[in-house]
Structures are given as C-alpha cells and as structure tokens.
C-alpha cells in the first residue's frame, strides 16, 4: 500500500505549547475529514487516524457537514431503508 506523508511549516512568533498542540490536532482533524468527505478514506479509517471510537465519528462528521451516505441517491437510500425494514420484520415474527 502506498503512503502519503503530510507536513507543513509555518513561521510564527513563539506560541504557547498548548496552543500549538491544539492547532496541530485541529489541522489533522480537518485534513482527515476532508479526505473522508471526498471518499478517499473510509469512516473506519478516519476514526482510526483520529484515534477515536467509530461511534464518536458521527458527531464529528455532523460538525463538518459530512453525510454518512455521500454517494447514495434518494432512491438508493429509500431502497436500503425498505430492505432493512423487511429484514427487521422477518425477525419480529
């Protein structure tokens, strides 16, 4: 598997360490969420890279306005919901 290393350098006056760490974390988060938005990585991989639980990713996706169904048309989503309801109904019997 090919890898990509991301680095950038900014020349700034001295900033408190805690602010630098926060900025680095936010930059990493924004980069990963951009990759997720464009379908370059999966949600599972995004959670792994961000070192968060997969279940916590949905809130972050919401804050970045990333749909969990980015490539599905309305009709495809409706079909998926219908199929899921049919399966659930089979288990209720």
C-alpha atoms as a PDB file:
ATOM      1  CA  UNK A   1       0.000   0.000   0.000  1.00  0.00           C
ATOM      2  CA  UNK A   2       1.343   3.425  -0.940  1.00  0.00           C
ATOM      3  CA  UNK A   3       1.547   6.008   1.812  1.00  0.00           C
ATOM      4  CA  UNK A   4       1.406   9.771   1.873  1.00  0.00           C
ATOM      5  CA  UNK A   5       3.177  11.853   4.466  1.00  0.00           C
ATOM      6  CA  UNK A   6       1.740  15.302   5.153  1.00  0.00           C
ATOM      7  CA  UNK A   7       3.925  18.051   6.590  1.00  0.00           C
ATOM      8  CA  UNK A   8       3.817  21.805   6.567  1.00  0.00           C
ATOM      9  CA  UNK A   9       5.870  24.541   8.145  1.00  0.00           C
ATOM     10  CA  UNK A  10       4.709  27.898   9.447  1.00  0.00           C
ATOM     11  CA  UNK A  11       6.974  30.649  10.653  1.00  0.00           C
ATOM     12  CA  UNK A  12       5.283  32.269  13.625  1.00  0.00           C
ATOM     13  CA  UNK A  13       6.305  34.093  16.742  1.00  0.00           C
ATOM     14  CA  UNK A  14       6.610  31.881  19.824  1.00  0.00           C
ATOM     15  CA  UNK A  15       3.236  30.428  20.816  1.00  0.00           C
ATOM     16  CA  UNK A  16       2.352  28.512  23.968  1.00  0.00           C
ATOM     17  CA  UNK A  17       2.853  24.759  23.601  1.00  0.00           C
ATOM     18  CA  UNK A  18      -0.789  24.033  24.460  1.00  0.00           C
ATOM     19  CA  UNK A  19      -1.964  26.296  21.620  1.00  0.00           C
ATOM     20  CA  UNK A  20       0.445  24.686  19.148  1.00  0.00           C
ATOM     21  CA  UNK A  21      -0.770  21.206  20.094  1.00  0.00           C
ATOM     22  CA  UNK A  22      -4.416  22.261  19.747  1.00  0.00           C
ATOM     23  CA  UNK A  23      -3.739  23.798  16.311  1.00  0.00           C
ATOM     24  CA  UNK A  24      -1.917  20.656  15.140  1.00  0.00           C
ATOM     25  CA  UNK A  25      -4.782  18.451  16.306  1.00  0.00           C
ATOM     26  CA  UNK A  26      -7.348  20.631  14.506  1.00  0.00           C
ATOM     27  CA  UNK A  27      -5.267  20.686  11.301  1.00  0.00           C
ATOM     28  CA  UNK A  28      -5.003  16.881  11.345  1.00  0.00           C
ATOM     29  CA  UNK A  29      -8.736  16.583  12.020  1.00  0.00           C
ATOM     30  CA  UNK A  30      -9.645  18.941   9.161  1.00  0.00           C
ATOM     31  CA  UNK A  31      -7.350  17.096   6.746  1.00  0.00           C
ATOM     32  CA  UNK A  32      -8.774  13.685   7.635  1.00  0.00           C
ATOM     33  CA  UNK A  33     -12.352  14.927   7.450  1.00  0.00           C
ATOM     34  CA  UNK A  34     -11.662  16.408   4.013  1.00  0.00           C
ATOM     35  CA  UNK A  35     -10.361  13.024   2.835  1.00  0.00           C
ATOM     36  CA  UNK A  36     -13.477  11.375   4.256  1.00  0.00           C
ATOM     37  CA  UNK A  37     -15.782  13.903   2.576  1.00  0.00           C
ATOM     38  CA  UNK A  38     -14.255  13.123  -0.819  1.00  0.00           C
ATOM     39  CA  UNK A  39     -14.343   9.373  -0.274  1.00  0.00           C
ATOM     40  CA  UNK A  40     -10.560   8.999  -0.234  1.00  0.00           C
ATOM     41  CA  UNK A  41     -10.724   7.118   3.085  1.00  0.00           C
ATOM     42  CA  UNK A  42     -13.450   5.181   4.873  1.00  0.00           C
ATOM     43  CA  UNK A  43     -15.174   6.265   8.062  1.00  0.00           C
ATOM     44  CA  UNK A  44     -13.460   3.422   9.900  1.00  0.00           C
ATOM     45  CA  UNK A  45     -10.053   4.602   8.690  1.00  0.00           C
ATOM     46  CA  UNK A  46     -10.885   8.209   9.656  1.00  0.00           C
ATOM     47  CA  UNK A  47     -11.769   7.101  13.188  1.00  0.00           C
ATOM     48  CA  UNK A  48      -8.553   5.089  13.366  1.00  0.00           C
ATOM     49  CA  UNK A  49      -6.401   8.017  12.191  1.00  0.00           C
ATOM     50  CA  UNK A  50      -8.124  10.393  14.612  1.00  0.00           C
ATOM     51  CA  UNK A  51      -7.744   7.838  17.407  1.00  0.00           C
ATOM     52  CA  UNK A  52     -11.430   7.995  18.298  1.00  0.00           C
ATOM     53  CA  UNK A  53     -14.119   5.345  18.534  1.00  0.00           C
ATOM     54  CA  UNK A  54     -16.050   4.726  15.339  1.00  0.00           C
ATOM     55  CA  UNK A  55     -19.245   5.551  17.235  1.00  0.00           C
ATOM     56  CA  UNK A  56     -17.866   9.021  18.065  1.00  0.00           C
ATOM     57  CA  UNK A  57     -17.184   9.810  14.421  1.00  0.00           C
ATOM     58  CA  UNK A  58     -20.802  10.623  13.544  1.00  0.00           C
ATOM     59  CA  UNK A  59     -20.798  13.754  15.725  1.00  0.00           C
ATOM     60  CA  UNK A  60     -17.584  14.918  14.102  1.00  0.00           C
ATOM     61  CA  UNK A  61     -18.967  14.171  10.637  1.00  0.00           C
ATOM     62  CA  UNK A  62     -22.031  16.215  11.536  1.00  0.00           C
ATOM     63  CA  UNK A  63     -19.908  19.185  12.597  1.00  0.00           C
ATOM     64  CA  UNK A  64     -18.102  19.027   9.231  1.00  0.00           C
ATOM     65  CA  UNK A  65     -21.445  18.532   7.435  1.00  0.00           C
ATOM     66  CA  UNK A  66     -20.410  15.179   6.008  1.00  0.00           C
ATOM     67  CA  UNK A  67     -23.236  12.824   5.178  1.00  0.00           C
ATOM     68  CA  UNK A  68     -22.836   9.171   6.127  1.00  0.00           C
ATOM     69  CA  UNK A  69     -24.420   8.429   2.711  1.00  0.00           C
ATOM     70  CA  UNK A  70     -22.458  10.741   0.400  1.00  0.00           C
ATOM     71  CA  UNK A  71     -22.800   8.715  -2.789  1.00  0.00           C
ATOM     72  CA  UNK A  72     -26.338   7.440  -2.385  1.00  0.00           C
ATOM     73  CA  UNK A  73     -29.215   8.938  -4.290  1.00  0.00           C
ATOM     74  CA  UNK A  74     -32.531   9.435  -2.540  1.00  0.00           C
ATOM     75  CA  UNK A  75     -33.886   6.365  -4.320  1.00  0.00           C
ATOM     76  CA  UNK A  76     -30.908   4.195  -3.298  1.00  0.00           C
ATOM     77  CA  UNK A  77     -31.258   5.268   0.319  1.00  0.00           C
ATOM     78  CA  UNK A  78     -35.012   4.561   0.237  1.00  0.00           C
ATOM     79  CA  UNK A  79     -34.330   1.103  -1.193  1.00  0.00           C
ATOM     80  CA  UNK A  80     -31.794   0.397   1.553  1.00  0.00           C
ATOM     81  CA  UNK A  81     -34.247   1.513   4.246  1.00  0.00           C
ATOM     82  CA  UNK A  82     -37.004  -0.644   2.727  1.00  0.00           C
ATOM     83  CA  UNK A  83     -34.738  -3.694   2.615  1.00  0.00           C
ATOM     84  CA  UNK A  84     -33.637  -3.129   6.215  1.00  0.00           C
ATOM     85  CA  UNK A  85     -37.257  -2.843   7.377  1.00  0.00           C
ATOM     86  CA  UNK A  86     -38.121  -6.072   5.567  1.00  0.00           C
ATOM     87  CA  UNK A  87     -35.292  -7.879   7.343  1.00  0.00           C
ATOM     88  CA  UNK A  88     -36.334  -6.482  10.723  1.00  0.00           C
ATOM     89  CA  UNK A  89     -39.938  -7.519  10.121  1.00  0.00           C
ATOM     90  CA  UNK A  90     -38.810 -11.114   9.407  1.00  0.00           C
ATOM     91  CA  UNK A  91     -37.154 -11.240  12.834  1.00  0.00           C
ATOM     92  CA  UNK A  92     -40.267  -9.929  14.599  1.00  0.00           C
ATOM     93  CA  UNK A  93     -42.313 -12.955  13.535  1.00  0.00           C
END
